[in-house]
Structure formats: structure tokens, C-alpha cells
Amino acid sequence: MTVAITVATLEAFSAAWNRHDIDALMSFMHPDCVFLTAAGDQACGTRHSGTEAVRKAFAGAWAAVPDVQWTKGKHFVHGDFGVSEWTFEGTAADGSRIETDGVDLFTFKDGKILVKNVFRKARPNIPATNK
């Protein structure tokens, strides 16, 4: 019997993102997982297929913004579909602040996340303050 994905599952998935815990994140993903990023040269952003490609892409978020956190999370699940709303917050390499809202659209299969499709608002970074 397959365990159903619940709001608590998405809350735990979000907590793993904020801990920067790649092993925990991947434990939520289906072996045939797909990650569609918010940016890229394709209409879908960039498509990463399979556990190794998804693992590498997930870890890339922390490499690009080492202090990144996904705050203000709200989650919804209906059958094999789910949504997480959040605010992406962190510091860019130039010291400017990133703060922008976004959503993940999920497709589930066999009690795991099959597809994670990210949509994030395009907002200029907030300039670093001079102290």
C-alpha cells in the first residue's frame, strides 16, 4: 500500500530545503523524478530528469545563494497534485538581498514527488545596505 502525500509531507520537504539537507530532500523524490526550474532557456525553465540530475540541480540552489531560505510556506494537496507557496529569501553574491514569492506545483506518484515545477516572481534584488 502506497502512503499518500499530505500537507505534512510538503511541510517536511520544505523543512529539508531550509536545512540544506540533500539526502532528506531526495528521500521524498520518486526514482523517475523531474525538476523544472524557474529559469532557463526552455519554456519550462530547465528540465532535470532522474535522481542524479535532480540532486545536482537541488544542491545548485544552495551553491548560488548559500543562506537561502523558503519562508511563509503554505501547502495544499489534492490526490496526486500539490502546491507549495513560499517566499525565497537570501543574499546574492554581490551582497544584494533576494526576496521574491513563488510556488511549486507537484505531481505525486507512489507516495513520492514525481514532478517539482517551480514558478517564481521576477523581482530585482534589494540593494545591499552600506554600513
N, C-alpha and C. Protein backbone atom coordinates (compact mmCIF):
# COMPACT_ATOMS: atom_id res chain seq x y z
N MET A 1 0.84 -1.19 0.00
CA MET A 1 0.00 0.00 0.00
C MET A 1 0.89 1.25 0.00
N THR A 2 0.62 2.17 -0.89
CA THR A 2 1.39 3.40 -1.01
C THR A 2 0.90 4.42 0.00
N VAL A 3 1.82 5.08 0.67
CA VAL A 3 1.48 6.15 1.60
C VAL A 3 1.16 7.40 0.79
N ALA A 4 0.05 8.05 1.12
CA ALA A 4 -0.36 9.25 0.40
C ALA A 4 0.48 10.44 0.83
N ILE A 5 0.72 11.32 -0.11
CA ILE A 5 1.37 12.60 0.19
C ILE A 5 0.34 13.47 0.90
N THR A 6 0.77 14.16 1.96
CA THR A 6 -0.11 15.04 2.73
C THR A 6 0.54 16.42 2.85
N VAL A 7 -0.20 17.34 3.44
CA VAL A 7 0.36 18.66 3.74
C VAL A 7 1.59 18.50 4.64
N ALA A 8 1.53 17.58 5.60
CA ALA A 8 2.68 17.35 6.48
C ALA A 8 3.90 16.89 5.68
N THR A 9 3.69 16.12 4.62
CA THR A 9 4.81 15.69 3.77
C THR A 9 5.46 16.91 3.13
N LEU A 10 4.65 17.81 2.58
CA LEU A 10 5.21 19.00 1.94
C LEU A 10 5.86 19.93 2.96
N GLU A 11 5.34 19.99 4.18
CA GLU A 11 5.99 20.77 5.23
C GLU A 11 7.37 20.18 5.55
N ALA A 12 7.46 18.86 5.61
CA ALA A 12 8.75 18.21 5.89
C ALA A 12 9.72 18.41 4.72
N PHE A 13 9.22 18.36 3.49
CA PHE A 13 10.04 18.61 2.31
C PHE A 13 10.60 20.04 2.36
N SER A 14 9.75 21.00 2.70
CA SER A 14 10.18 22.39 2.82
C SER A 14 11.22 22.56 3.92
N ALA A 15 11.03 21.90 5.03
CA ALA A 15 11.99 21.97 6.14
C ALA A 15 13.35 21.43 5.70
N ALA A 16 13.36 20.37 4.89
CA ALA A 16 14.63 19.82 4.38
C ALA A 16 15.33 20.83 3.48
N TRP A 17 14.57 21.56 2.67
CA TRP A 17 15.17 22.62 1.85
C TRP A 17 15.86 23.65 2.75
N ASN A 18 15.18 24.06 3.82
CA ASN A 18 15.73 25.09 4.69
C ASN A 18 16.91 24.61 5.53
N ARG A 19 17.01 23.31 5.73
CA ARG A 19 18.19 22.73 6.41
C ARG A 19 19.34 22.49 5.44
N HIS A 20 19.05 22.63 4.14
CA HIS A 20 20.01 22.34 3.08
C HIS A 20 20.44 20.87 3.16
N ASP A 21 19.48 20.01 3.33
CA ASP A 21 19.70 18.57 3.54
C ASP A 21 19.35 17.78 2.28
N ILE A 22 20.33 17.60 1.41
CA ILE A 22 20.08 16.97 0.11
C ILE A 22 19.60 15.53 0.25
N ASP A 23 20.13 14.78 1.20
CA ASP A 23 19.70 13.39 1.36
C ASP A 23 18.23 13.32 1.78
N ALA A 24 17.83 14.18 2.71
CA ALA A 24 16.42 14.21 3.12
C ALA A 24 15.54 14.61 1.94
N LEU A 25 15.95 15.62 1.19
CA LEU A 25 15.16 16.04 0.02
C LEU A 25 14.95 14.90 -0.96
N MET A 26 16.02 14.22 -1.27
CA MET A 26 15.93 13.16 -2.26
C MET A 26 15.09 11.98 -1.78
N SER A 27 14.96 11.82 -0.46
CA SER A 27 14.12 10.74 0.07
C SER A 27 12.65 10.96 -0.25
N PHE A 28 12.26 12.19 -0.57
CA PHE A 28 10.88 12.50 -0.94
C PHE A 28 10.63 12.28 -2.44
N MET A 29 11.70 12.15 -3.23
CA MET A 29 11.57 12.14 -4.69
C MET A 29 11.40 10.73 -5.24
N HIS A 30 10.56 10.61 -6.23
CA HIS A 30 10.33 9.35 -6.96
C HIS A 30 11.59 9.03 -7.79
N PRO A 31 11.91 7.76 -8.00
CA PRO A 31 13.09 7.42 -8.82
C PRO A 31 13.07 8.03 -10.23
N ASP A 32 11.88 8.27 -10.78
CA ASP A 32 11.75 8.87 -12.12
C ASP A 32 11.50 10.37 -12.05
N CYS A 33 11.98 11.03 -11.01
CA CYS A 33 11.65 12.43 -10.75
C CYS A 33 12.12 13.38 -11.85
N VAL A 34 11.39 14.49 -11.90
CA VAL A 34 11.69 15.59 -12.82
C VAL A 34 11.61 16.88 -12.03
N PHE A 35 12.58 17.76 -12.24
CA PHE A 35 12.61 19.08 -11.63
C PHE A 35 12.65 20.11 -12.75
N LEU A 36 11.64 20.98 -12.78
CA LEU A 36 11.55 22.05 -13.76
C LEU A 36 11.82 23.36 -13.03
N THR A 37 12.92 24.02 -13.38
CA THR A 37 13.37 25.21 -12.66
C THR A 37 12.59 26.45 -13.07
N ALA A 38 12.75 27.51 -12.26
CA ALA A 38 12.07 28.77 -12.55
C ALA A 38 12.71 29.51 -13.72
N ALA A 39 13.98 29.26 -13.99
CA ALA A 39 14.68 29.97 -15.05
C ALA A 39 15.40 28.98 -15.96
N GLY A 40 15.65 29.41 -17.15
CA GLY A 40 16.38 28.58 -18.10
C GLY A 40 16.03 28.96 -19.51
N ASP A 41 16.64 28.28 -20.46
CA ASP A 41 16.45 28.63 -21.87
C ASP A 41 15.32 27.87 -22.54
N GLN A 42 14.57 27.10 -21.78
CA GLN A 42 13.41 26.37 -22.32
C GLN A 42 12.14 27.01 -21.78
N ALA A 43 11.01 26.75 -22.43
CA ALA A 43 9.74 27.28 -21.95
C ALA A 43 9.45 26.83 -20.51
N CYS A 44 9.94 25.65 -20.14
CA CYS A 44 9.74 25.10 -18.79
C CYS A 44 10.79 25.56 -17.80
N GLY A 45 11.71 26.42 -18.20
CA GLY A 45 12.87 26.78 -17.39
C GLY A 45 14.01 25.89 -17.84
N THR A 46 14.47 25.03 -16.95
CA THR A 46 15.41 23.98 -17.30
C THR A 46 14.87 22.68 -16.73
N ARG A 47 14.88 21.63 -17.53
CA ARG A 47 14.35 20.33 -17.13
C ARG A 47 15.50 19.44 -16.67
N HIS A 48 15.39 18.94 -15.44
CA HIS A 48 16.34 17.98 -14.87
C HIS A 48 15.57 16.69 -14.63
N SER A 49 16.02 15.60 -15.24
CA SER A 49 15.31 14.32 -15.15
C SER A 49 16.18 13.26 -14.49
N GLY A 50 15.60 12.51 -13.57
CA GLY A 50 16.31 11.43 -12.88
C GLY A 50 16.94 11.90 -11.59
N THR A 51 17.17 10.97 -10.69
CA THR A 51 17.62 11.35 -9.34
C THR A 51 18.97 12.06 -9.31
N GLU A 52 19.93 11.64 -10.11
CA GLU A 52 21.25 12.29 -10.07
C GLU A 52 21.18 13.72 -10.59
N ALA A 53 20.46 13.93 -11.69
CA ALA A 53 20.33 15.28 -12.24
C ALA A 53 19.55 16.19 -11.30
N VAL A 54 18.50 15.66 -10.69
CA VAL A 54 17.70 16.45 -9.75
C VAL A 54 18.52 16.77 -8.50
N ARG A 55 19.24 15.80 -7.98
CA ARG A 55 20.10 16.02 -6.81
C ARG A 55 21.08 17.17 -7.09
N LYS A 56 21.72 17.14 -8.22
CA LYS A 56 22.71 18.16 -8.58
C LYS A 56 22.03 19.54 -8.71
N ALA A 57 20.87 19.58 -9.34
CA ALA A 57 20.16 20.85 -9.51
C ALA A 57 19.68 21.40 -8.17
N PHE A 58 19.15 20.53 -7.31
CA PHE A 58 18.72 20.98 -5.98
C PHE A 58 19.89 21.61 -5.23
N ALA A 59 21.03 20.92 -5.20
CA ALA A 59 22.21 21.42 -4.48
C ALA A 59 22.69 22.74 -5.08
N GLY A 60 22.45 22.94 -6.36
CA GLY A 60 22.85 24.19 -7.02
C GLY A 60 22.18 25.41 -6.44
N ALA A 61 20.97 25.25 -5.90
CA ALA A 61 20.28 26.40 -5.29
C ALA A 61 21.07 26.93 -4.10
N TRP A 62 21.64 26.02 -3.29
CA TRP A 62 22.42 26.43 -2.13
C TRP A 62 23.77 26.98 -2.54
N ALA A 63 24.34 26.48 -3.63
CA ALA A 63 25.62 26.99 -4.10
C ALA A 63 25.47 28.44 -4.58
N ALA A 64 24.36 28.72 -5.25
CA ALA A 64 24.13 30.06 -5.80
C ALA A 64 23.77 31.06 -4.71
N VAL A 65 23.03 30.62 -3.70
CA VAL A 65 22.58 31.50 -2.61
C VAL A 65 22.76 30.73 -1.30
N PRO A 66 23.97 30.76 -0.73
CA PRO A 66 24.28 29.89 0.41
C PRO A 66 23.39 30.05 1.64
N ASP A 67 22.79 31.23 1.84
CA ASP A 67 21.94 31.42 3.02
C ASP A 67 20.45 31.35 2.69
N VAL A 68 20.10 30.80 1.53
CA VAL A 68 18.71 30.79 1.09
C VAL A 68 17.79 30.05 2.07
N GLN A 69 16.60 30.63 2.21
CA GLN A 69 15.52 30.03 2.98
C GLN A 69 14.22 30.24 2.23
N TRP A 70 13.32 29.29 2.37
CA TRP A 70 11.98 29.39 1.81
C TRP A 70 11.06 29.61 2.99
N THR A 71 10.51 30.83 3.11
CA THR A 71 9.73 31.20 4.28
C THR A 71 8.25 31.34 3.91
N LYS A 72 7.43 31.51 4.93
CA LYS A 72 5.98 31.78 4.77
C LYS A 72 5.28 30.67 4.00
N GLY A 73 5.71 29.44 4.20
CA GLY A 73 5.16 28.32 3.44
C GLY A 73 3.69 28.05 3.72
N LYS A 74 2.97 27.77 2.65
CA LYS A 74 1.58 27.30 2.69
C LYS A 74 1.51 26.14 1.71
N HIS A 75 0.84 25.08 2.10
CA HIS A 75 0.84 23.86 1.30
C HIS A 75 -0.58 23.33 1.10
N PHE A 76 -0.79 22.70 -0.06
CA PHE A 76 -2.10 22.16 -0.42
C PHE A 76 -1.87 20.85 -1.15
N VAL A 77 -2.66 19.85 -0.84
CA VAL A 77 -2.59 18.56 -1.52
C VAL A 77 -3.99 18.11 -1.89
N HIS A 78 -4.13 17.63 -3.11
CA HIS A 78 -5.38 17.03 -3.57
C HIS A 78 -5.02 15.83 -4.44
N GLY A 79 -5.13 14.65 -3.89
CA GLY A 79 -4.81 13.44 -4.65
C GLY A 79 -3.35 13.42 -5.05
N ASP A 80 -3.09 13.32 -6.35
CA ASP A 80 -1.72 13.24 -6.88
C ASP A 80 -1.18 14.60 -7.31
N PHE A 81 -1.77 15.68 -6.76
CA PHE A 81 -1.35 17.04 -7.11
C PHE A 81 -1.17 17.84 -5.83
N GLY A 82 -0.16 18.71 -5.80
CA GLY A 82 0.05 19.57 -4.65
C GLY A 82 0.66 20.90 -5.04
N VAL A 83 0.54 21.86 -4.13
CA VAL A 83 1.08 23.20 -4.33
C VAL A 83 1.73 23.65 -3.03
N SER A 84 2.88 24.26 -3.14
CA SER A 84 3.51 24.95 -2.02
C SER A 84 3.75 26.40 -2.42
N GLU A 85 3.27 27.33 -1.60
CA GLU A 85 3.58 28.75 -1.77
C GLU A 85 4.68 29.10 -0.79
N TRP A 86 5.57 30.03 -1.16
CA TRP A 86 6.68 30.40 -0.29
C TRP A 86 7.26 31.73 -0.73
N THR A 87 8.13 32.27 0.12
CA THR A 87 8.95 33.43 -0.23
C THR A 87 10.40 32.97 -0.21
N PHE A 88 11.09 33.19 -1.31
CA PHE A 88 12.51 32.84 -1.48
C PHE A 88 13.32 34.01 -0.94
N GLU A 89 14.15 33.77 0.09
CA GLU A 89 14.92 34.84 0.71
C GLU A 89 16.38 34.42 0.84
N GLY A 90 17.28 35.33 0.48
CA GLY A 90 18.70 35.04 0.62
C GLY A 90 19.53 36.21 0.15
N THR A 91 20.85 36.00 0.18
CA THR A 91 21.79 37.04 -0.21
C THR A 91 22.53 36.61 -1.48
N ALA A 92 22.48 37.46 -2.49
CA ALA A 92 23.19 37.20 -3.75
C ALA A 92 24.69 37.43 -3.54
N ALA A 93 25.48 36.95 -4.48
CA ALA A 93 26.94 37.07 -4.39
C ALA A 93 27.41 38.52 -4.25
N ASP A 94 26.67 39.46 -4.82
CA ASP A 94 27.06 40.88 -4.73
C ASP A 94 26.59 41.55 -3.45
N GLY A 95 25.98 40.79 -2.54
CA GLY A 95 25.51 41.33 -1.27
C GLY A 95 24.08 41.82 -1.29
N SER A 96 23.48 41.89 -2.47
CA SER A 96 22.08 42.32 -2.53
C SER A 96 21.17 41.22 -1.98
N ARG A 97 19.99 41.63 -1.55
CA ARG A 97 19.03 40.69 -0.95
C ARG A 97 18.03 40.24 -2.00
N ILE A 98 17.72 38.96 -1.94
CA ILE A 98 16.69 38.38 -2.79
C ILE A 98 15.49 38.11 -1.89
N GLU A 99 14.34 38.60 -2.31
CA GLU A 99 13.11 38.32 -1.59
C GLU A 99 11.99 38.32 -2.63
N THR A 100 11.51 37.14 -2.96
CA THR A 100 10.50 37.04 -4.01
C THR A 100 9.60 35.84 -3.76
N ASP A 101 8.35 35.99 -4.10
CA ASP A 101 7.37 34.93 -3.88
C ASP A 101 7.39 33.92 -5.02
N GLY A 102 6.97 32.71 -4.68
CA GLY A 102 6.91 31.67 -5.70
C GLY A 102 6.02 30.52 -5.27
N VAL A 103 5.87 29.58 -6.18
CA VAL A 103 5.10 28.36 -5.90
C VAL A 103 5.80 27.17 -6.54
N ASP A 104 5.61 26.03 -5.92
CA ASP A 104 5.96 24.75 -6.52
C ASP A 104 4.65 24.06 -6.85
N LEU A 105 4.56 23.53 -8.05
CA LEU A 105 3.45 22.66 -8.43
C LEU A 105 4.01 21.24 -8.44
N PHE A 106 3.37 20.35 -7.74
CA PHE A 106 3.86 18.98 -7.62
C PHE A 106 2.90 17.98 -8.26
N THR A 107 3.48 16.95 -8.85
CA THR A 107 2.76 15.74 -9.24
C THR A 107 3.35 14.61 -8.43
N PHE A 108 2.49 13.79 -7.84
CA PHE A 108 2.94 12.69 -6.98
C PHE A 108 2.67 11.34 -7.66
N LYS A 109 3.52 10.37 -7.32
CA LYS A 109 3.34 9.01 -7.81
C LYS A 109 3.91 8.06 -6.77
N ASP A 110 3.15 7.04 -6.43
CA ASP A 110 3.60 6.02 -5.48
C ASP A 110 4.09 6.61 -4.16
N GLY A 111 3.43 7.66 -3.68
CA GLY A 111 3.78 8.26 -2.40
C GLY A 111 5.04 9.10 -2.41
N LYS A 112 5.51 9.48 -3.59
CA LYS A 112 6.72 10.29 -3.74
C LYS A 112 6.43 11.46 -4.68
N ILE A 113 7.33 12.43 -4.70
CA ILE A 113 7.23 13.56 -5.62
C ILE A 113 7.80 13.13 -6.96
N LEU A 114 6.97 13.11 -7.97
CA LEU A 114 7.39 12.76 -9.33
C LEU A 114 7.90 14.01 -10.06
N VAL A 115 7.13 15.10 -9.99
CA VAL A 115 7.48 16.34 -10.67
C VAL A 115 7.42 17.50 -9.69
N LYS A 116 8.48 18.31 -9.69
CA LYS A 116 8.52 19.58 -8.94
C LYS A 116 8.72 20.67 -9.98
N ASN A 117 7.70 21.49 -10.17
CA ASN A 117 7.70 22.53 -11.18
C ASN A 117 7.65 23.88 -10.47
N VAL A 118 8.70 24.69 -10.61
CA VAL A 118 8.86 25.93 -9.85
C VAL A 118 8.45 27.14 -10.69
N PHE A 119 7.74 28.05 -10.03
CA PHE A 119 7.40 29.35 -10.61
C PHE A 119 7.74 30.40 -9.57
N ARG A 120 8.56 31.39 -9.97
CA ARG A 120 8.99 32.43 -9.03
C ARG A 120 8.83 33.79 -9.68
N LYS A 121 8.34 34.76 -8.91
CA LYS A 121 8.18 36.12 -9.41
C LYS A 121 9.54 36.70 -9.80
N ALA A 122 9.56 37.46 -10.88
CA ALA A 122 10.78 38.15 -11.31
C ALA A 122 10.79 39.52 -10.64
N ARG A 123 11.71 39.69 -9.71
CA ARG A 123 11.81 40.94 -8.95
C ARG A 123 13.28 41.31 -8.83
N PRO A 124 13.62 42.57 -9.03
CA PRO A 124 15.02 42.98 -8.85
C PRO A 124 15.45 42.74 -7.40
N ASN A 125 16.71 42.40 -7.23
CA ASN A 125 17.24 42.24 -5.88
C ASN A 125 17.22 43.57 -5.14
N ILE A 126 17.16 43.50 -3.83
CA ILE A 126 17.16 44.68 -2.97
C ILE A 126 18.63 45.05 -2.72
N PRO A 127 19.04 46.29 -3.06
CA PRO A 127 20.46 46.65 -2.93
C PRO A 127 20.97 46.43 -1.51
N ALA A 128 22.23 46.04 -1.42
CA ALA A 128 22.88 45.86 -0.13
C ALA A 128 22.98 47.21 0.56
N THR A 129 22.85 47.21 1.87
CA THR A 129 23.00 48.45 2.61
C THR A 129 24.46 48.69 2.91
N ASN A 130 24.88 49.92 2.83
CA ASN A 130 26.26 50.28 3.16
C ASN A 130 26.32 50.64 4.64
N LYS A 131 27.19 49.95 5.35
CA LYS A 131 27.29 50.22 6.79
C LYS A 131 28.60 50.87 7.10
